[in-house]
C-alpha cells in the first residue's frame, strides 16, 4: 500500500497541468474573441463594398477578403475544438486526482484507472496544443497576406 504522502503527491501532480490548461483556455478564449471581432469587421467591409462605395483596386481587395474569410473560418473551428478539448483535459485531470485518491481507499481498484485517465488527459492536452500551433500559423499567414496587400498599395501610390 502506498504511503499517504505519495498518494497526496500523485493527486496534486495533475494540478500543474490543470493550471497550464486553464492558462491556455484563457489565452485561447482571447484569440477566439479576436477572430470573431475580425469576422465582424470583414462583414462590415463586405457590406460597404457591396453598396458600391469602394475604392480601387477592388479585385485585389475582394480576393484578399475572400482569403481572410476562409482563413478566419478555419481558425474559428480550430479554436473552438481547442477550447473544448482543453475543458475536457481539465475534467480528465481532475478525474485523475479523484481516481488516485480512490485507488488508495479501494484496494481492489487497479492502478491502471488513474494512470489511464491521466494519460488520456495528457494526450488530449498535447493534441490541443498542436491545434493552437496550427491556428497560430494560420494567423501569421493571414497577417503576411495583409502586409503584402499593403505593400502593393503603397508601391502603386509611389508610382503615381
N, C-alpha and C. Protein backbone atom coordinates (compact mmCIF):
# COMPACT_ATOMS: atom_id res chain seq x y z
N UNK A 1 0.85 -1.19 0.00
CA UNK A 1 0.00 0.00 0.00
C UNK A 1 0.89 1.24 0.00
N UNK A 2 0.58 2.21 -0.88
CA UNK A 2 1.40 3.42 -0.96
C UNK A 2 1.29 4.26 0.31
N UNK A 3 2.32 5.01 0.54
CA UNK A 3 2.34 5.93 1.68
C UNK A 3 1.37 7.09 1.40
N UNK A 4 0.72 7.63 2.44
CA UNK A 4 -0.23 8.72 2.23
C UNK A 4 0.39 9.94 1.53
N UNK A 5 1.63 10.25 1.83
CA UNK A 5 2.27 11.40 1.20
C UNK A 5 2.46 11.17 -0.30
N UNK A 6 2.74 9.92 -0.68
CA UNK A 6 2.88 9.59 -2.10
C UNK A 6 1.55 9.75 -2.82
N UNK A 7 0.49 9.32 -2.16
CA UNK A 7 -0.85 9.44 -2.76
C UNK A 7 -1.23 10.91 -2.91
N UNK A 8 -0.96 11.67 -1.86
CA UNK A 8 -1.27 13.10 -1.92
C UNK A 8 -0.48 13.76 -3.05
N UNK A 9 0.79 13.40 -3.16
CA UNK A 9 1.61 13.96 -4.24
C UNK A 9 1.08 13.57 -5.62
N UNK A 10 0.65 12.32 -5.74
CA UNK A 10 0.09 11.86 -7.02
C UNK A 10 -1.23 12.55 -7.33
N UNK A 11 -1.99 12.89 -6.30
CA UNK A 11 -3.26 13.59 -6.52
C UNK A 11 -3.05 15.05 -6.90
N UNK A 12 -1.99 15.64 -6.38
CA UNK A 12 -1.74 17.06 -6.64
C UNK A 12 -1.01 17.27 -7.97
N UNK A 13 -0.25 16.30 -8.41
CA UNK A 13 0.53 16.43 -9.64
C UNK A 13 -0.31 16.92 -10.83
N UNK A 14 -1.52 16.39 -11.06
CA UNK A 14 -2.31 16.90 -12.19
C UNK A 14 -2.66 18.38 -12.08
N UNK A 15 -2.57 18.94 -10.87
CA UNK A 15 -2.90 20.35 -10.68
C UNK A 15 -1.98 21.26 -11.52
N UNK A 16 -0.75 20.85 -11.70
CA UNK A 16 0.18 21.64 -12.52
C UNK A 16 -0.34 21.70 -13.96
N UNK A 17 -0.75 20.55 -14.48
CA UNK A 17 -1.29 20.52 -15.84
C UNK A 17 -2.64 21.24 -15.91
N UNK A 18 -3.42 21.15 -14.84
CA UNK A 18 -4.70 21.86 -14.82
C UNK A 18 -4.45 23.37 -14.91
N UNK A 19 -3.47 23.88 -14.18
CA UNK A 19 -3.13 25.31 -14.25
C UNK A 19 -2.68 25.70 -15.65
N UNK A 20 -1.86 24.87 -16.26
CA UNK A 20 -1.39 25.15 -17.62
C UNK A 20 -2.57 25.15 -18.60
N UNK A 21 -3.46 24.18 -18.46
CA UNK A 21 -4.62 24.11 -19.36
C UNK A 21 -5.53 25.33 -19.14
N UNK A 22 -5.69 25.75 -17.90
CA UNK A 22 -6.52 26.92 -17.61
C UNK A 22 -5.94 28.18 -18.25
N UNK A 23 -4.62 28.32 -18.19
CA UNK A 23 -3.99 29.48 -18.85
C UNK A 23 -4.20 29.43 -20.36
N UNK A 24 -4.10 28.24 -20.93
CA UNK A 24 -4.34 28.11 -22.37
C UNK A 24 -5.80 28.40 -22.72
N UNK A 25 -6.73 28.03 -21.85
CA UNK A 25 -8.14 28.35 -22.09
C UNK A 25 -8.32 29.86 -22.11
N UNK A 26 -7.69 30.54 -21.18
CA UNK A 26 -7.80 32.00 -21.12
C UNK A 26 -7.25 32.64 -22.39
N UNK A 27 -6.06 32.25 -22.80
CA UNK A 27 -5.48 32.86 -24.00
C UNK A 27 -6.22 32.44 -25.26
N UNK A 28 -6.71 31.20 -25.29
CA UNK A 28 -7.45 30.73 -26.46
C UNK A 28 -8.79 31.45 -26.57
N UNK A 29 -9.43 31.71 -25.45
CA UNK A 29 -10.68 32.47 -25.46
C UNK A 29 -10.45 33.87 -25.99
N UNK A 30 -9.33 34.49 -25.61
CA UNK A 30 -8.99 35.81 -26.15
C UNK A 30 -8.77 35.74 -27.66
N UNK A 31 -8.07 34.72 -28.11
CA UNK A 31 -7.83 34.56 -29.55
C UNK A 31 -9.15 34.35 -30.28
N UNK A 32 -10.02 33.57 -29.70
CA UNK A 32 -11.34 33.33 -30.28
C UNK A 32 -12.12 34.63 -30.40
N UNK A 33 -12.05 35.45 -29.37
CA UNK A 33 -12.71 36.75 -29.41
C UNK A 33 -12.16 37.65 -30.50
N UNK A 34 -10.85 37.62 -30.68
CA UNK A 34 -10.24 38.43 -31.74
C UNK A 34 -10.68 37.96 -33.12
N UNK A 35 -10.78 36.66 -33.31
CA UNK A 35 -11.22 36.12 -34.60
C UNK A 35 -12.66 36.56 -34.86
N UNK A 36 -13.51 36.48 -33.85
CA UNK A 36 -14.91 36.89 -34.01
C UNK A 36 -14.99 38.38 -34.33
N UNK A 37 -14.20 39.20 -33.63
CA UNK A 37 -14.17 40.64 -33.93
C UNK A 37 -13.73 40.90 -35.37
N UNK A 38 -12.72 40.17 -35.82
CA UNK A 38 -12.20 40.35 -37.19
C UNK A 38 -13.26 39.94 -38.22
N UNK A 39 -14.00 38.88 -37.92
CA UNK A 39 -15.08 38.46 -38.83
C UNK A 39 -16.13 39.56 -38.93
N UNK A 40 -16.47 40.16 -37.81
CA UNK A 40 -17.46 41.25 -37.82
C UNK A 40 -16.97 42.46 -38.62
N UNK A 41 -15.68 42.77 -38.50
CA UNK A 41 -15.12 43.87 -39.30
C UNK A 41 -15.17 43.55 -40.79
N UNK A 42 -14.87 42.30 -41.13
CA UNK A 42 -14.92 41.90 -42.54
C UNK A 42 -16.35 41.95 -43.07
N UNK A 43 -17.33 41.61 -42.24
CA UNK A 43 -18.73 41.70 -42.66
C UNK A 43 -19.07 43.14 -43.01
N UNK A 44 -18.67 44.07 -42.14
CA UNK A 44 -18.93 45.49 -42.40
C UNK A 44 -18.24 45.95 -43.68
N UNK A 45 -17.01 45.52 -43.89
CA UNK A 45 -16.26 45.89 -45.10
C UNK A 45 -16.92 45.30 -46.34
N UNK A 46 -17.37 44.05 -46.25
CA UNK A 46 -18.05 43.42 -47.39
C UNK A 46 -19.35 44.14 -47.71
N UNK A 47 -20.08 44.53 -46.68
CA UNK A 47 -21.32 45.28 -46.90
C UNK A 47 -21.04 46.62 -47.57
N UNK A 48 -19.95 47.28 -47.14
CA UNK A 48 -19.58 48.56 -47.75
C UNK A 48 -19.21 48.35 -49.22
N UNK A 49 -18.45 47.31 -49.52
CA UNK A 49 -18.08 47.03 -50.91
C UNK A 49 -19.30 46.67 -51.74
N UNK A 50 -20.27 45.98 -51.14
CA UNK A 50 -21.47 45.57 -51.88
C UNK A 50 -22.34 46.76 -52.25
N UNK A 51 -22.27 47.86 -51.48
CA UNK A 51 -23.07 49.03 -51.78
C UNK A 51 -22.45 49.89 -52.89
N UNK A 52 -21.27 49.52 -53.33
CA UNK A 52 -20.62 50.25 -54.41
C UNK A 52 -19.78 51.42 -53.95
N UNK A 53 -19.58 51.58 -52.65
CA UNK A 53 -18.77 52.68 -52.12
C UNK A 53 -17.33 52.23 -51.92
N UNK A 54 -16.79 51.60 -52.93
CA UNK A 54 -15.44 51.06 -52.79
C UNK A 54 -14.44 51.91 -53.56
N UNK A 55 -13.21 51.67 -53.24
CA UNK A 55 -12.12 52.36 -53.93
C UNK A 55 -11.26 51.31 -54.62
N UNK A 56 -10.60 51.68 -55.69
CA UNK A 56 -9.72 50.72 -56.36
C UNK A 56 -8.56 50.35 -55.44
N UNK A 57 -7.93 49.26 -55.58
CA UNK A 57 -8.18 48.17 -56.51
C UNK A 57 -9.17 47.16 -55.93
N UNK A 58 -10.38 47.21 -56.40
CA UNK A 58 -11.47 46.40 -55.89
C UNK A 58 -11.20 44.90 -55.99
N UNK A 59 -10.68 44.44 -57.10
CA UNK A 59 -10.47 43.00 -57.29
C UNK A 59 -9.47 42.42 -56.30
N UNK A 60 -8.36 43.13 -56.08
CA UNK A 60 -7.36 42.64 -55.14
C UNK A 60 -7.91 42.62 -53.72
N UNK A 61 -8.63 43.65 -53.35
CA UNK A 61 -9.22 43.74 -52.02
C UNK A 61 -10.24 42.61 -51.84
N UNK A 62 -11.03 42.38 -52.86
CA UNK A 62 -12.05 41.32 -52.82
C UNK A 62 -11.39 39.96 -52.63
N UNK A 63 -10.33 39.69 -53.37
CA UNK A 63 -9.61 38.41 -53.26
C UNK A 63 -9.00 38.24 -51.86
N UNK A 64 -8.42 39.33 -51.36
CA UNK A 64 -7.84 39.28 -50.01
C UNK A 64 -8.92 38.97 -48.98
N UNK A 65 -10.06 39.61 -49.11
CA UNK A 65 -11.14 39.40 -48.15
C UNK A 65 -11.67 37.97 -48.22
N UNK A 66 -11.77 37.41 -49.41
CA UNK A 66 -12.20 36.01 -49.53
C UNK A 66 -11.22 35.08 -48.83
N UNK A 67 -9.93 35.31 -49.04
CA UNK A 67 -8.91 34.51 -48.35
C UNK A 67 -9.01 34.66 -46.84
N UNK A 68 -9.23 35.89 -46.39
CA UNK A 68 -9.33 36.14 -44.96
C UNK A 68 -10.53 35.43 -44.35
N UNK A 69 -11.66 35.46 -45.05
CA UNK A 69 -12.86 34.81 -44.53
C UNK A 69 -12.63 33.30 -44.39
N UNK A 70 -12.02 32.69 -45.39
CA UNK A 70 -11.73 31.26 -45.32
C UNK A 70 -10.75 30.96 -44.18
N UNK A 71 -9.73 31.80 -44.07
CA UNK A 71 -8.73 31.63 -43.02
C UNK A 71 -9.36 31.78 -41.64
N UNK A 72 -10.21 32.80 -41.48
CA UNK A 72 -10.85 33.03 -40.19
C UNK A 72 -11.79 31.88 -39.81
N UNK A 73 -12.46 31.30 -40.80
CA UNK A 73 -13.32 30.17 -40.52
C UNK A 73 -12.50 28.98 -40.02
N UNK A 74 -11.38 28.70 -40.68
CA UNK A 74 -10.51 27.61 -40.22
C UNK A 74 -9.99 27.89 -38.81
N UNK A 75 -9.58 29.12 -38.57
CA UNK A 75 -9.08 29.48 -37.24
C UNK A 75 -10.18 29.33 -36.19
N UNK A 76 -11.38 29.78 -36.52
CA UNK A 76 -12.50 29.69 -35.60
C UNK A 76 -12.78 28.24 -35.21
N UNK A 77 -12.77 27.35 -36.19
CA UNK A 77 -13.03 25.94 -35.92
C UNK A 77 -11.90 25.31 -35.10
N UNK A 78 -10.66 25.66 -35.40
CA UNK A 78 -9.53 25.14 -34.62
C UNK A 78 -9.62 25.62 -33.17
N UNK A 79 -9.92 26.90 -32.99
CA UNK A 79 -10.01 27.44 -31.64
C UNK A 79 -11.16 26.83 -30.86
N UNK A 80 -12.30 26.63 -31.53
CA UNK A 80 -13.43 26.00 -30.85
C UNK A 80 -13.07 24.60 -30.38
N UNK A 81 -12.42 23.84 -31.26
CA UNK A 81 -12.03 22.47 -30.90
C UNK A 81 -11.00 22.50 -29.78
N UNK A 82 -10.06 23.43 -29.84
CA UNK A 82 -9.03 23.52 -28.80
C UNK A 82 -9.64 23.87 -27.45
N UNK A 83 -10.53 24.84 -27.42
CA UNK A 83 -11.15 25.23 -26.14
C UNK A 83 -11.95 24.07 -25.56
N UNK A 84 -12.72 23.41 -26.40
CA UNK A 84 -13.49 22.26 -25.93
C UNK A 84 -12.55 21.17 -25.40
N UNK A 85 -11.49 20.89 -26.14
CA UNK A 85 -10.52 19.88 -25.72
C UNK A 85 -9.83 20.25 -24.42
N UNK A 86 -9.55 21.54 -24.24
CA UNK A 86 -8.90 21.98 -23.01
C UNK A 86 -9.82 21.81 -21.80
N UNK A 87 -11.11 22.07 -21.98
CA UNK A 87 -12.05 21.84 -20.88
C UNK A 87 -12.14 20.35 -20.55
N UNK A 88 -12.15 19.52 -21.57
CA UNK A 88 -12.18 18.07 -21.33
C UNK A 88 -10.87 17.63 -20.68
N UNK A 89 -9.75 18.24 -21.09
CA UNK A 89 -8.46 17.94 -20.47
C UNK A 89 -8.51 18.21 -18.98
N UNK A 90 -9.02 19.36 -18.61
CA UNK A 90 -9.13 19.70 -17.18
C UNK A 90 -10.02 18.69 -16.46
N UNK A 91 -11.11 18.31 -17.09
CA UNK A 91 -12.01 17.31 -16.50
C UNK A 91 -11.28 16.00 -16.26
N UNK A 92 -10.51 15.56 -17.26
CA UNK A 92 -9.77 14.30 -17.12
C UNK A 92 -8.69 14.40 -16.04
N UNK A 93 -8.05 15.54 -15.93
CA UNK A 93 -7.02 15.70 -14.92
C UNK A 93 -7.60 15.74 -13.51
N UNK A 94 -8.76 16.37 -13.36
CA UNK A 94 -9.45 16.34 -12.07
C UNK A 94 -9.87 14.91 -11.76
N UNK A 95 -10.38 14.21 -12.77
CA UNK A 95 -10.77 12.80 -12.58
C UNK A 95 -9.55 11.95 -12.19
N UNK A 96 -8.38 12.29 -12.71
CA UNK A 96 -7.16 11.58 -12.34
C UNK A 96 -6.86 11.74 -10.86
N UNK A 97 -7.00 12.96 -10.37
CA UNK A 97 -6.79 13.19 -8.94
C UNK A 97 -7.77 12.39 -8.09
N UNK A 98 -9.01 12.39 -8.50
CA UNK A 98 -10.03 11.65 -7.76
C UNK A 98 -9.75 10.15 -7.83
N UNK A 99 -9.43 9.66 -9.02
CA UNK A 99 -9.16 8.22 -9.19
C UNK A 99 -7.94 7.80 -8.37
N UNK A 100 -6.96 8.67 -8.26
CA UNK A 100 -5.77 8.36 -7.46
C UNK A 100 -6.14 8.22 -5.99
N UNK A 101 -6.98 9.12 -5.50
CA UNK A 101 -7.45 9.02 -4.11
C UNK A 101 -8.28 7.77 -3.89
N UNK A 102 -9.14 7.45 -4.85
CA UNK A 102 -9.95 6.24 -4.74
C UNK A 102 -9.10 4.98 -4.77
N UNK A 103 -8.01 5.03 -5.51
CA UNK A 103 -7.11 3.89 -5.60
C UNK A 103 -6.60 3.48 -4.23
N UNK A 104 -6.36 4.47 -3.39
CA UNK A 104 -5.88 4.19 -2.03
C UNK A 104 -7.02 3.66 -1.17
N UNK A 105 -8.20 4.25 -1.33
CA UNK A 105 -9.34 3.87 -0.50
C UNK A 105 -9.92 2.51 -0.89
N UNK A 106 -9.85 2.18 -2.15
CA UNK A 106 -10.43 0.92 -2.65
C UNK A 106 -9.28 0.06 -3.15
N UNK A 107 -8.74 -0.78 -2.30
CA UNK A 107 -7.56 -1.56 -2.67
C UNK A 107 -7.77 -2.46 -3.89
N UNK A 108 -9.00 -2.85 -4.16
CA UNK A 108 -9.25 -3.73 -5.31
C UNK A 108 -9.18 -2.99 -6.64
N UNK A 109 -9.25 -1.69 -6.58
CA UNK A 109 -9.20 -0.91 -7.82
C UNK A 109 -7.80 -0.99 -8.41
N UNK A 110 -7.75 -1.19 -9.67
CA UNK A 110 -6.46 -1.30 -10.34
C UNK A 110 -5.81 0.07 -10.52
N UNK A 111 -4.52 0.12 -10.52
CA UNK A 111 -3.78 1.38 -10.70
C UNK A 111 -3.93 1.91 -12.12
N UNK A 112 -4.37 1.04 -13.02
CA UNK A 112 -4.50 1.48 -14.42
C UNK A 112 -5.60 2.51 -14.61
N UNK A 113 -6.56 2.56 -13.69
CA UNK A 113 -7.64 3.54 -13.83
C UNK A 113 -7.08 4.96 -13.73
N UNK A 114 -6.41 5.34 -12.62
CA UNK A 114 -5.87 6.71 -12.57
C UNK A 114 -4.79 6.95 -13.63
N UNK A 115 -4.00 5.93 -13.90
CA UNK A 115 -2.94 6.10 -14.91
C UNK A 115 -3.56 6.31 -16.29
N UNK A 116 -4.57 5.52 -16.61
CA UNK A 116 -5.23 5.65 -17.92
C UNK A 116 -5.92 6.99 -18.10
N UNK A 117 -6.63 7.42 -17.07
CA UNK A 117 -7.32 8.72 -17.13
C UNK A 117 -6.29 9.85 -17.25
N UNK A 118 -5.21 9.75 -16.49
CA UNK A 118 -4.16 10.77 -16.55
C UNK A 118 -3.50 10.82 -17.92
N UNK A 119 -3.21 9.66 -18.47
CA UNK A 119 -2.62 9.62 -19.82
C UNK A 119 -3.56 10.19 -20.86
N UNK A 120 -4.84 9.87 -20.74
CA UNK A 120 -5.83 10.42 -21.68
C UNK A 120 -5.85 11.94 -21.60
N UNK A 121 -5.81 12.48 -20.38
CA UNK A 121 -5.78 13.93 -20.21
C UNK A 121 -4.53 14.56 -20.80
N UNK A 122 -3.38 13.92 -20.57
CA UNK A 122 -2.11 14.46 -21.09
C UNK A 122 -2.08 14.40 -22.62
N UNK A 123 -2.58 13.31 -23.20
CA UNK A 123 -2.59 13.18 -24.66
C UNK A 123 -3.53 14.21 -25.28
N UNK A 124 -4.70 14.39 -24.67
CA UNK A 124 -5.63 15.39 -25.18
C UNK A 124 -5.04 16.79 -25.06
N UNK A 125 -4.32 17.04 -23.98
CA UNK A 125 -3.66 18.33 -23.79
C UNK A 125 -2.66 18.58 -24.92
N UNK A 126 -1.87 17.58 -25.23
CA UNK A 126 -0.90 17.69 -26.32
C UNK A 126 -1.60 17.96 -27.65
N UNK A 127 -2.70 17.27 -27.90
CA UNK A 127 -3.46 17.48 -29.13
C UNK A 127 -3.97 18.91 -29.22
N UNK A 128 -4.49 19.43 -28.12
CA UNK A 128 -4.99 20.82 -28.10
C UNK A 128 -3.87 21.80 -28.39
N UNK A 129 -2.70 21.53 -27.86
CA UNK A 129 -1.56 22.41 -28.13
C UNK A 129 -1.21 22.40 -29.61
N UNK A 130 -1.28 21.24 -30.25
CA UNK A 130 -1.00 21.19 -31.70
C UNK A 130 -2.06 21.96 -32.48
N UNK A 131 -3.31 21.92 -32.03
CA UNK A 131 -4.35 22.72 -32.69
C UNK A 131 -4.04 24.21 -32.57
N UNK A 132 -3.58 24.62 -31.40
CA UNK A 132 -3.27 26.04 -31.19
C UNK A 132 -2.06 26.47 -32.02
N UNK A 133 -1.11 25.58 -32.21
CA UNK A 133 0.04 25.89 -33.07
C UNK A 133 -0.43 26.07 -34.51
N UNK A 134 -1.32 25.18 -34.96
CA UNK A 134 -1.87 25.30 -36.33
C UNK A 134 -2.62 26.61 -36.50
N UNK A 135 -3.41 26.97 -35.48
CA UNK A 135 -4.17 28.22 -35.55
C UNK A 135 -3.24 29.42 -35.60
N UNK A 136 -2.18 29.39 -34.82
CA UNK A 136 -1.22 30.49 -34.82
C UNK A 136 -0.55 30.61 -36.19
N UNK A 137 -0.26 29.49 -36.82
CA UNK A 137 0.34 29.51 -38.16
C UNK A 137 -0.63 30.14 -39.17
N UNK A 138 -1.90 29.83 -39.05
CA UNK A 138 -2.90 30.44 -39.94
C UNK A 138 -2.98 31.95 -39.71
N UNK A 139 -2.90 32.36 -38.45
CA UNK A 139 -2.94 33.79 -38.13
C UNK A 139 -1.74 34.52 -38.74
N UNK A 140 -0.59 33.92 -38.65
CA UNK A 140 0.62 34.53 -39.22
C UNK A 140 0.49 34.62 -40.74
N UNK A 141 0.01 33.54 -41.36
CA UNK A 141 -0.15 33.54 -42.81
C UNK A 141 -1.10 34.65 -43.26
N UNK A 142 -2.21 34.83 -42.53
CA UNK A 142 -3.17 35.88 -42.88
C UNK A 142 -2.54 37.26 -42.72
N UNK A 143 -1.75 37.44 -41.68
CA UNK A 143 -1.10 38.73 -41.47
C UNK A 143 -0.09 39.02 -42.59
N UNK A 144 0.63 38.01 -43.01
CA UNK A 144 1.58 38.18 -44.12
C UNK A 144 0.83 38.57 -45.40
N UNK A 145 -0.33 37.96 -45.65
CA UNK A 145 -1.13 38.34 -46.82
C UNK A 145 -1.55 39.80 -46.74
N UNK A 146 -1.96 40.25 -45.56
CA UNK A 146 -2.37 41.64 -45.39
C UNK A 146 -1.20 42.59 -45.62
N UNK A 147 -0.04 42.23 -45.10
CA UNK A 147 1.15 43.07 -45.28
C UNK A 147 1.53 43.13 -46.76
N UNK A 148 1.45 42.02 -47.46
CA UNK A 148 1.73 42.01 -48.90
C UNK A 148 0.76 42.92 -49.64
N UNK A 149 -0.50 42.90 -49.27
CA UNK A 149 -1.50 43.76 -49.88
C UNK A 149 -1.16 45.24 -49.64
N UNK A 150 -0.77 45.55 -48.42
CA UNK A 150 -0.39 46.94 -48.09
C UNK A 150 0.82 47.36 -48.92
N UNK A 151 1.81 46.49 -49.05
CA UNK A 151 2.98 46.80 -49.86
C UNK A 151 2.59 47.10 -51.30
N UNK A 152 1.68 46.31 -51.85
CA UNK A 152 1.21 46.55 -53.23
C UNK A 152 0.54 47.91 -53.35
N UNK A 153 -0.29 48.25 -52.38
CA UNK A 153 -0.98 49.55 -52.42
C UNK A 153 0.02 50.70 -52.32
N UNK A 154 0.97 50.57 -51.44
CA UNK A 154 1.97 51.64 -51.27
C UNK A 154 2.85 51.77 -52.51
N UNK A 155 3.21 50.65 -53.10
CA UNK A 155 4.03 50.68 -54.32
C UNK A 155 3.26 51.36 -55.45
N UNK A 156 1.95 51.11 -55.53
CA UNK A 156 1.13 51.75 -56.55
C UNK A 156 1.08 53.26 -56.35
N UNK A 157 0.96 53.68 -55.10
CA UNK A 157 0.91 55.11 -54.79
C UNK A 157 2.21 55.80 -55.12
N UNK A 158 3.34 55.11 -54.90
CA UNK A 158 4.65 55.70 -55.22
C UNK A 158 4.82 55.91 -56.71
N UNK A 159 4.24 55.04 -57.51
CA UNK A 159 4.36 55.15 -58.97
C UNK A 159 3.55 56.30 -59.52
N UNK A 160 2.57 56.75 -58.79
CA UNK A 160 1.69 57.83 -59.29
C UNK A 160 2.32 59.17 -59.16
